[in-house]
Amino acid sequence: MSNKKKTKKHKNNTDEIWSEEQYEEYLKELYGMEFIAGFTENALPYGLFKEDREKYTVEESDNYDVSDDELPF
C-alpha cells in the first residue's frame, strides 16, 4: 500500500451569486430576447425576440372600435 499525502482542495470562493433579475437580463442579452415568458424543461428561455417586437407592437394610431363589429351569435 502506498501512502499518499492528502492535499486540501481549495474551493473557488470568487463565485458570483446572481439574483433572478440579473440572470434574466443576462439571458435576454445572450439570446437577443425582449421578454422572457418562461423556461422549457431543459432550462432554455422562450418568449419574444427583439426582431419579432415590431410584429406584435400595437401603434397608437391603430384604434379599433369594437362597437361597430357585428357579433356572429
PDB file of N, CA and C in Angstrom:
ATOM      1  N   MET A   1       0.826  -1.186   0.000  1.00  0.00           N
ATOM      2  CA  MET A   1       0.000   0.000   0.000  1.00  0.00           C
ATOM      3  C   MET A   1       0.866   1.243   0.000  1.00  0.00           C
ATOM      4  N   SER A   2       0.450   2.152  -0.796  1.00  0.00           N
ATOM      5  CA  SER A   2       1.231   3.388  -0.867  1.00  0.00           C
ATOM      6  C   SER A   2       0.596   4.437   0.026  1.00  0.00           C
ATOM      7  N   ASN A   3       1.445   5.186   0.613  1.00  0.00           N
ATOM      8  CA  ASN A   3       0.976   6.287   1.460  1.00  0.00           C
ATOM      9  C   ASN A   3       0.995   7.565   0.641  1.00  0.00           C
ATOM     10  N   LYS A   4      -0.164   8.103   0.377  1.00  0.00           N
ATOM     11  CA  LYS A   4      -0.263   9.350  -0.380  1.00  0.00           C
ATOM     12  C   LYS A   4      -0.604  10.474   0.576  1.00  0.00           C
ATOM     13  N   LYS A   5      -0.015  11.595   0.297  1.00  0.00           N
ATOM     14  CA  LYS A   5      -0.345  12.767   1.098  1.00  0.00           C
ATOM     15  C   LYS A   5      -1.690  13.304   0.655  1.00  0.00           C
ATOM     16  N   LYS A   6      -2.490  13.607   1.595  1.00  0.00           N
ATOM     17  CA  LYS A   6      -3.783  14.204   1.278  1.00  0.00           C
ATOM     18  C   LYS A   6      -3.592  15.711   1.176  1.00  0.00           C
ATOM     19  N   THR A   7      -4.021  16.226   0.059  1.00  0.00           N
ATOM     20  CA  THR A   7      -3.937  17.669  -0.121  1.00  0.00           C
ATOM     21  C   THR A   7      -5.330  18.258   0.011  1.00  0.00           C
ATOM     22  N   LYS A   8      -5.370  19.406   0.558  1.00  0.00           N
ATOM     23  CA  LYS A   8      -6.654  20.089   0.705  1.00  0.00           C
ATOM     24  C   LYS A   8      -7.041  20.696  -0.627  1.00  0.00           C
ATOM     25  N   LYS A   9      -8.248  20.454  -1.014  1.00  0.00           N
ATOM     26  CA  LYS A   9      -8.763  21.058  -2.234  1.00  0.00           C
ATOM     27  C   LYS A   9      -9.411  22.380  -1.857  1.00  0.00           C
ATOM     28  N   HIS A  10      -8.928  23.411  -2.472  1.00  0.00           N
ATOM     29  CA  HIS A  10      -9.457  24.742  -2.183  1.00  0.00           C
ATOM     30  C   HIS A  10     -10.654  25.017  -3.079  1.00  0.00           C
ATOM     31  N   LYS A  11     -11.674  25.494  -2.457  1.00  0.00           N
ATOM     32  CA  LYS A  11     -12.851  25.894  -3.222  1.00  0.00           C
ATOM     33  C   LYS A  11     -12.628  27.298  -3.759  1.00  0.00           C
ATOM     34  N   ASN A  12     -13.174  27.515  -4.907  1.00  0.00           N
ATOM     35  CA  ASN A  12     -13.085  28.830  -5.520  1.00  0.00           C
ATOM     36  C   ASN A  12     -14.141  29.724  -4.870  1.00  0.00           C
ATOM     37  N   ASN A  13     -13.717  30.603  -4.018  1.00  0.00           N
ATOM     38  CA  ASN A  13     -14.643  31.472  -3.285  1.00  0.00           C
ATOM     39  C   ASN A  13     -14.979  32.742  -4.053  1.00  0.00           C
ATOM     40  N   THR A  14     -14.558  32.819  -5.296  1.00  0.00           N
ATOM     41  CA  THR A  14     -14.838  34.022  -6.077  1.00  0.00           C
ATOM     42  C   THR A  14     -16.099  33.859  -6.931  1.00  0.00           C
ATOM     43  N   ASP A  15     -16.885  32.826  -6.676  1.00  0.00           N
ATOM     44  CA  ASP A  15     -18.128  32.634  -7.421  1.00  0.00           C
ATOM     45  C   ASP A  15     -19.095  33.766  -7.107  1.00  0.00           C
ATOM     46  N   GLU A  16     -19.715  34.255  -8.165  1.00  0.00           N
ATOM     47  CA  GLU A  16     -20.665  35.350  -8.013  1.00  0.00           C
ATOM     48  C   GLU A  16     -22.075  34.783  -7.998  1.00  0.00           C
ATOM     49  N   ILE A  17     -22.877  35.206  -7.078  1.00  0.00           N
ATOM     50  CA  ILE A  17     -24.265  34.760  -6.995  1.00  0.00           C
ATOM     51  C   ILE A  17     -25.142  35.849  -7.593  1.00  0.00           C
ATOM     52  N   TRP A  18     -25.944  35.453  -8.591  1.00  0.00           N
ATOM     53  CA  TRP A  18     -26.810  36.400  -9.282  1.00  0.00           C
ATOM     54  C   TRP A  18     -28.226  36.284  -8.767  1.00  0.00           C
ATOM     55  N   SER A  19     -28.912  37.398  -8.789  1.00  0.00           N
ATOM     56  CA  SER A  19     -30.328  37.378  -8.471  1.00  0.00           C
ATOM     57  C   SER A  19     -31.088  36.892  -9.705  1.00  0.00           C
ATOM     58  N   GLU A  20     -32.361  36.611  -9.553  1.00  0.00           N
ATOM     59  CA  GLU A  20     -33.175  36.148 -10.677  1.00  0.00           C
ATOM     60  C   GLU A  20     -33.261  37.214 -11.773  1.00  0.00           C
ATOM     61  N   GLU A  21     -33.348  38.475 -11.369  1.00  0.00           N
ATOM     62  CA  GLU A  21     -33.426  39.562 -12.339  1.00  0.00           C
ATOM     63  C   GLU A  21     -32.128  39.687 -13.133  1.00  0.00           C
ATOM     64  N   GLN A  22     -30.985  39.551 -12.453  1.00  0.00           N
ATOM     65  CA  GLN A  22     -29.702  39.638 -13.139  1.00  0.00           C
ATOM     66  C   GLN A  22     -29.545  38.488 -14.126  1.00  0.00           C
ATOM     67  N   TYR A  23     -29.987  37.293 -13.739  1.00  0.00           N
ATOM     68  CA  TYR A  23     -29.888  36.127 -14.612  1.00  0.00           C
ATOM     69  C   TYR A  23     -30.769  36.289 -15.846  1.00  0.00           C
ATOM     70  N   GLU A  24     -31.989  36.803 -15.676  1.00  0.00           N
ATOM     71  CA  GLU A  24     -32.879  37.025 -16.812  1.00  0.00           C
ATOM     72  C   GLU A  24     -32.328  38.104 -17.740  1.00  0.00           C
ATOM     73  N   GLU A  25     -31.744  39.154 -17.204  1.00  0.00           N
ATOM     74  CA  GLU A  25     -31.134  40.189 -18.038  1.00  0.00           C
ATOM     75  C   GLU A  25     -29.978  39.611 -18.849  1.00  0.00           C
ATOM     76  N   TYR A  26     -29.181  38.741 -18.224  1.00  0.00           N
ATOM     77  CA  TYR A  26     -28.080  38.093 -18.930  1.00  0.00           C
ATOM     78  C   TYR A  26     -28.602  37.226 -20.073  1.00  0.00           C
ATOM     79  N   LEU A  27     -29.647  36.446 -19.816  1.00  0.00           N
ATOM     80  CA  LEU A  27     -30.208  35.580 -20.856  1.00  0.00           C
ATOM     81  C   LEU A  27     -30.843  36.390 -21.978  1.00  0.00           C
ATOM     82  N   LYS A  28     -31.482  37.514 -21.643  1.00  0.00           N
ATOM     83  CA  LYS A  28     -32.073  38.379 -22.669  1.00  0.00           C
ATOM     84  C   LYS A  28     -30.998  38.870 -23.626  1.00  0.00           C
ATOM     85  N   GLU A  29     -29.859  39.287 -23.081  1.00  0.00           N
ATOM     86  CA  GLU A  29     -28.773  39.766 -23.928  1.00  0.00           C
ATOM     87  C   GLU A  29     -28.148  38.624 -24.719  1.00  0.00           C
ATOM     88  N   LEU A  30     -28.007  37.464 -24.097  1.00  0.00           N
ATOM     89  CA  LEU A  30     -27.370  36.321 -24.733  1.00  0.00           C
ATOM     90  C   LEU A  30     -28.170  35.813 -25.923  1.00  0.00           C
ATOM     91  N   TYR A  31     -29.486  35.691 -25.767  1.00  0.00           N
ATOM     92  CA  TYR A  31     -30.342  35.152 -26.826  1.00  0.00           C
ATOM     93  C   TYR A  31     -31.008  36.235 -27.669  1.00  0.00           C
ATOM     94  N   GLY A  32     -30.798  37.501 -27.357  1.00  0.00           N
ATOM     95  CA  GLY A  32     -31.402  38.590 -28.125  1.00  0.00           C
ATOM     96  C   GLY A  32     -32.902  38.654 -27.918  1.00  0.00           C
ATOM     97  N   MET A  33     -33.345  38.516 -26.688  1.00  0.00           N
ATOM     98  CA  MET A  33     -34.774  38.475 -26.392  1.00  0.00           C
ATOM     99  C   MET A  33     -35.228  39.793 -25.787  1.00  0.00           C
ATOM    100  N   GLU A  34     -36.471  40.136 -26.066  1.00  0.00           N
ATOM    101  CA  GLU A  34     -37.099  41.324 -25.494  1.00  0.00           C
ATOM    102  C   GLU A  34     -37.799  40.977 -24.180  1.00  0.00           C
ATOM    103  N   PHE A  35     -38.458  39.826 -24.155  1.00  0.00           N
ATOM    104  CA  PHE A  35     -39.241  39.414 -22.992  1.00  0.00           C
ATOM    105  C   PHE A  35     -39.119  37.899 -22.829  1.00  0.00           C
ATOM    106  N   ILE A  36     -38.807  37.440 -21.628  1.00  0.00           N
ATOM    107  CA  ILE A  36     -38.751  36.006 -21.347  1.00  0.00           C
ATOM    108  C   ILE A  36     -40.063  35.618 -20.683  1.00  0.00           C
ATOM    109  N   ALA A  37     -40.825  34.765 -21.362  1.00  0.00           N
ATOM    110  CA  ALA A  37     -42.125  34.343 -20.842  1.00  0.00           C
ATOM    111  C   ALA A  37     -41.995  33.158 -19.891  1.00  0.00           C
ATOM    112  N   GLY A  38     -40.981  32.344 -20.085  1.00  0.00           N
ATOM    113  CA  GLY A  38     -40.794  31.177 -19.236  1.00  0.00           C
ATOM    114  C   GLY A  38     -39.598  30.377 -19.695  1.00  0.00           C
ATOM    115  N   PHE A  39     -39.478  29.172 -19.160  1.00  0.00           N
ATOM    116  CA  PHE A  39     -38.356  28.317 -19.471  1.00  0.00           C
ATOM    117  C   PHE A  39     -38.853  26.922 -19.832  1.00  0.00           C
ATOM    118  N   THR A  40     -38.150  26.253 -20.761  1.00  0.00           N
ATOM    119  CA  THR A  40     -38.501  24.887 -21.145  1.00  0.00           C
ATOM    120  C   THR A  40     -37.986  23.917 -20.097  1.00  0.00           C
ATOM    121  N   GLU A  41     -38.249  22.616 -20.311  1.00  0.00           N
ATOM    122  CA  GLU A  41     -37.764  21.598 -19.383  1.00  0.00           C
ATOM    123  C   GLU A  41     -36.242  21.571 -19.330  1.00  0.00           C
ATOM    124  N   ASN A  42     -35.595  21.976 -20.426  1.00  0.00           N
ATOM    125  CA  ASN A  42     -34.135  21.988 -20.489  1.00  0.00           C
ATOM    126  C   ASN A  42     -33.544  23.334 -20.085  1.00  0.00           C
ATOM    127  N   ALA A  43     -34.348  24.168 -19.453  1.00  0.00           N
ATOM    128  CA  ALA A  43     -33.938  25.472 -18.923  1.00  0.00           C
ATOM    129  C   ALA A  43     -33.590  26.482 -20.006  1.00  0.00           C
ATOM    130  N   LEU A  44     -34.135  26.322 -21.201  1.00  0.00           N
ATOM    131  CA  LEU A  44     -33.959  27.319 -22.251  1.00  0.00           C
ATOM    132  C   LEU A  44     -35.108  28.313 -22.190  1.00  0.00           C
ATOM    133  N   PRO A  45     -34.807  29.598 -22.301  1.00  0.00           N
ATOM    134  CA  PRO A  45     -35.875  30.595 -22.228  1.00  0.00           C
ATOM    135  C   PRO A  45     -36.679  30.656 -23.521  1.00  0.00           C
ATOM    136  N   TYR A  46     -37.966  30.984 -23.378  1.00  0.00           N
ATOM    137  CA  TYR A  46     -38.797  31.257 -24.549  1.00  0.00           C
ATOM    138  C   TYR A  46     -39.566  32.536 -24.288  1.00  0.00           C
ATOM    139  N   GLY A  47     -39.887  33.210 -25.362  1.00  0.00           N
ATOM    140  CA  GLY A  47     -40.580  34.490 -25.246  1.00  0.00           C
ATOM    141  C   GLY A  47     -40.484  35.252 -26.546  1.00  0.00           C
ATOM    142  N   LEU A  48     -40.435  36.580 -26.463  1.00  0.00           N
ATOM    143  CA  LEU A  48     -40.374  37.438 -27.642  1.00  0.00           C
ATOM    144  C   LEU A  48     -38.939  37.859 -27.921  1.00  0.00           C
ATOM    145  N   PHE A  49     -38.542  37.703 -29.187  1.00  0.00           N
ATOM    146  CA  PHE A  49     -37.219  38.143 -29.595  1.00  0.00           C
ATOM    147  C   PHE A  49     -37.285  39.598 -30.039  1.00  0.00           C
ATOM    148  N   LYS A  50     -36.143  40.263 -30.004  1.00  0.00           N
ATOM    149  CA  LYS A  50     -36.107  41.684 -30.360  1.00  0.00           C
ATOM    150  C   LYS A  50     -36.550  41.924 -31.790  1.00  0.00           C
ATOM    151  N   GLU A  51     -36.177  41.022 -32.718  1.00  0.00           N
ATOM    152  CA  GLU A  51     -36.579  41.231 -34.112  1.00  0.00           C
ATOM    153  C   GLU A  51     -38.067  40.969 -34.312  1.00  0.00           C
ATOM    154  N   ASP A  52     -38.726  40.239 -33.421  1.00  0.00           N
ATOM    155  CA  ASP A  52     -40.160  39.984 -33.518  1.00  0.00           C
ATOM    156  C   ASP A  52     -40.989  41.078 -32.858  1.00  0.00           C
ATOM    157  N   ARG A  53     -40.352  41.997 -32.178  1.00  0.00           N
ATOM    158  CA  ARG A  53     -41.065  43.033 -31.434  1.00  0.00           C
ATOM    159  C   ARG A  53     -41.951  43.863 -32.346  1.00  0.00           C
ATOM    160  N   GLU A  54     -41.486  44.158 -33.547  1.00  0.00           N
ATOM    161  CA  GLU A  54     -42.255  45.007 -34.463  1.00  0.00           C
ATOM    162  C   GLU A  54     -43.534  44.316 -34.934  1.00  0.00           C
ATOM    163  N   LYS A  55     -43.548  43.001 -35.011  1.00  0.00           N
ATOM    164  CA  LYS A  55     -44.734  42.265 -35.441  1.00  0.00           C
ATOM    165  C   LYS A  55     -45.880  42.413 -34.450  1.00  0.00           C
ATOM    166  N   TYR A  56     -45.541  42.451 -33.170  1.00  0.00           N
ATOM    167  CA  TYR A  56     -46.558  42.416 -32.130  1.00  0.00           C
ATOM    168  C   TYR A  56     -46.791  43.758 -31.452  1.00  0.00           C
ATOM    169  N   THR A  57     -46.153  44.804 -31.939  1.00  0.00           N
ATOM    170  CA  THR A  57     -46.324  46.123 -31.350  1.00  0.00           C
ATOM    171  C   THR A  57     -47.566  46.783 -31.930  1.00  0.00           C
ATOM    172  N   VAL A  58     -48.411  47.291 -31.067  1.00  0.00           N
ATOM    173  CA  VAL A  58     -49.626  47.982 -31.490  1.00  0.00           C
ATOM    174  C   VAL A  58     -49.333  49.476 -31.465  1.00  0.00           C
ATOM    175  N   GLU A  59     -49.536  50.101 -32.584  1.00  0.00           N
ATOM    176  CA  GLU A  59     -49.304  51.536 -32.679  1.00  0.00           C
ATOM    177  C   GLU A  59     -50.493  52.283 -32.085  1.00  0.00           C
ATOM    178  N   GLU A  60     -50.247  53.504 -31.651  1.00  0.00           N
ATOM    179  CA  GLU A  60     -51.327  54.319 -31.100  1.00  0.00           C
ATOM    180  C   GLU A  60     -52.347  54.680 -32.170  1.00  0.00           C
ATOM    181  N   SER A  61     -51.933  54.706 -33.419  1.00  0.00           N
ATOM    182  CA  SER A  61     -52.852  55.050 -34.495  1.00  0.00           C
ATOM    183  C   SER A  61     -53.803  53.898 -34.826  1.00  0.00           C
ATOM    184  N   ASP A  62     -53.523  52.725 -34.311  1.00  0.00           N
ATOM    185  CA  ASP A  62     -54.385  51.562 -34.548  1.00  0.00           C
ATOM    186  C   ASP A  62     -55.539  51.562 -33.543  1.00  0.00           C
ATOM    187  N   ASN A  63     -56.496  52.422 -33.765  1.00  0.00           N
ATOM    188  CA  ASN A  63     -57.660  52.493 -32.886  1.00  0.00           C
ATOM    189  C   ASN A  63     -58.774  51.653 -33.486  1.00  0.00           C
ATOM    190  N   TYR A  64     -59.113  50.622 -32.795  1.00  0.00           N
ATOM    191  CA  TYR A  64     -60.182  49.748 -33.263  1.00  0.00           C
ATOM    192  C   TYR A  64     -61.436  50.008 -32.439  1.00  0.00           C
ATOM    193  N   ASP A  65     -62.522  50.262 -33.133  1.00  0.00           N
ATOM    194  CA  ASP A  65     -63.776  50.496 -32.449  1.00  0.00           C
ATOM    195  C   ASP A  65     -64.555  49.183 -32.455  1.00  0.00           C
ATOM    196  N   VAL A  66     -64.624  48.559 -31.317  1.00  0.00           N
ATOM    197  CA  VAL A  66     -65.254  47.240 -31.206  1.00  0.00           C
ATOM    198  C   VAL A  66     -66.769  47.354 -31.306  1.00  0.00           C
ATOM    199  N   SER A  67     -67.340  48.497 -31.002  1.00  0.00           N
ATOM    200  CA  SER A  67     -68.791  48.634 -31.020  1.00  0.00           C
ATOM    201  C   SER A  67     -69.376  48.529 -32.428  1.00  0.00           C
ATOM    202  N   ASP A  68     -68.573  48.781 -33.466  1.00  0.00           N
ATOM    203  CA  ASP A  68     -69.060  48.696 -34.841  1.00  0.00           C
ATOM    204  C   ASP A  68     -69.084  47.261 -35.360  1.00  0.00           C
ATOM    205  N   ASP A  69     -68.403  46.365 -34.699  1.00  0.00           N
ATOM    206  CA  ASP A  69     -68.341  44.974 -35.158  1.00  0.00           C
ATOM    207  C   ASP A  69     -69.635  44.245 -34.854  1.00  0.00           C
ATOM    208  N   GLU A  70     -70.070  43.453 -35.794  1.00  0.00           N
ATOM    209  CA  GLU A  70     -71.256  42.628 -35.563  1.00  0.00           C
ATOM    210  C   GLU A  70     -70.787  41.265 -35.052  1.00  0.00           C
ATOM    211  N   LEU A  71     -71.430  40.815 -34.021  1.00  0.00           N
ATOM    212  CA  LEU A  71     -71.113  39.511 -33.467  1.00  0.00           C
ATOM    213  C   LEU A  71     -71.909  38.443 -34.176  1.00  0.00           C
ATOM    214  N   PRO A  72     -71.301  37.286 -34.485  1.00  0.00           N
ATOM    215  CA  PRO A  72     -71.985  36.256 -35.258  1.00  0.00           C
ATOM    216  C   PRO A  72     -73.046  35.464 -34.467  1.00  0.00           C
ATOM    217  N   PHE A  73     -73.189  35.730 -33.205  1.00  0.00           N
ATOM    218  CA  PHE A  73     -74.172  34.960 -32.416  1.00  0.00           C
ATOM    219  C   PHE A  73     -75.158  35.820 -31.685  1.00  0.00           C
TER     220      PHE A  73
END
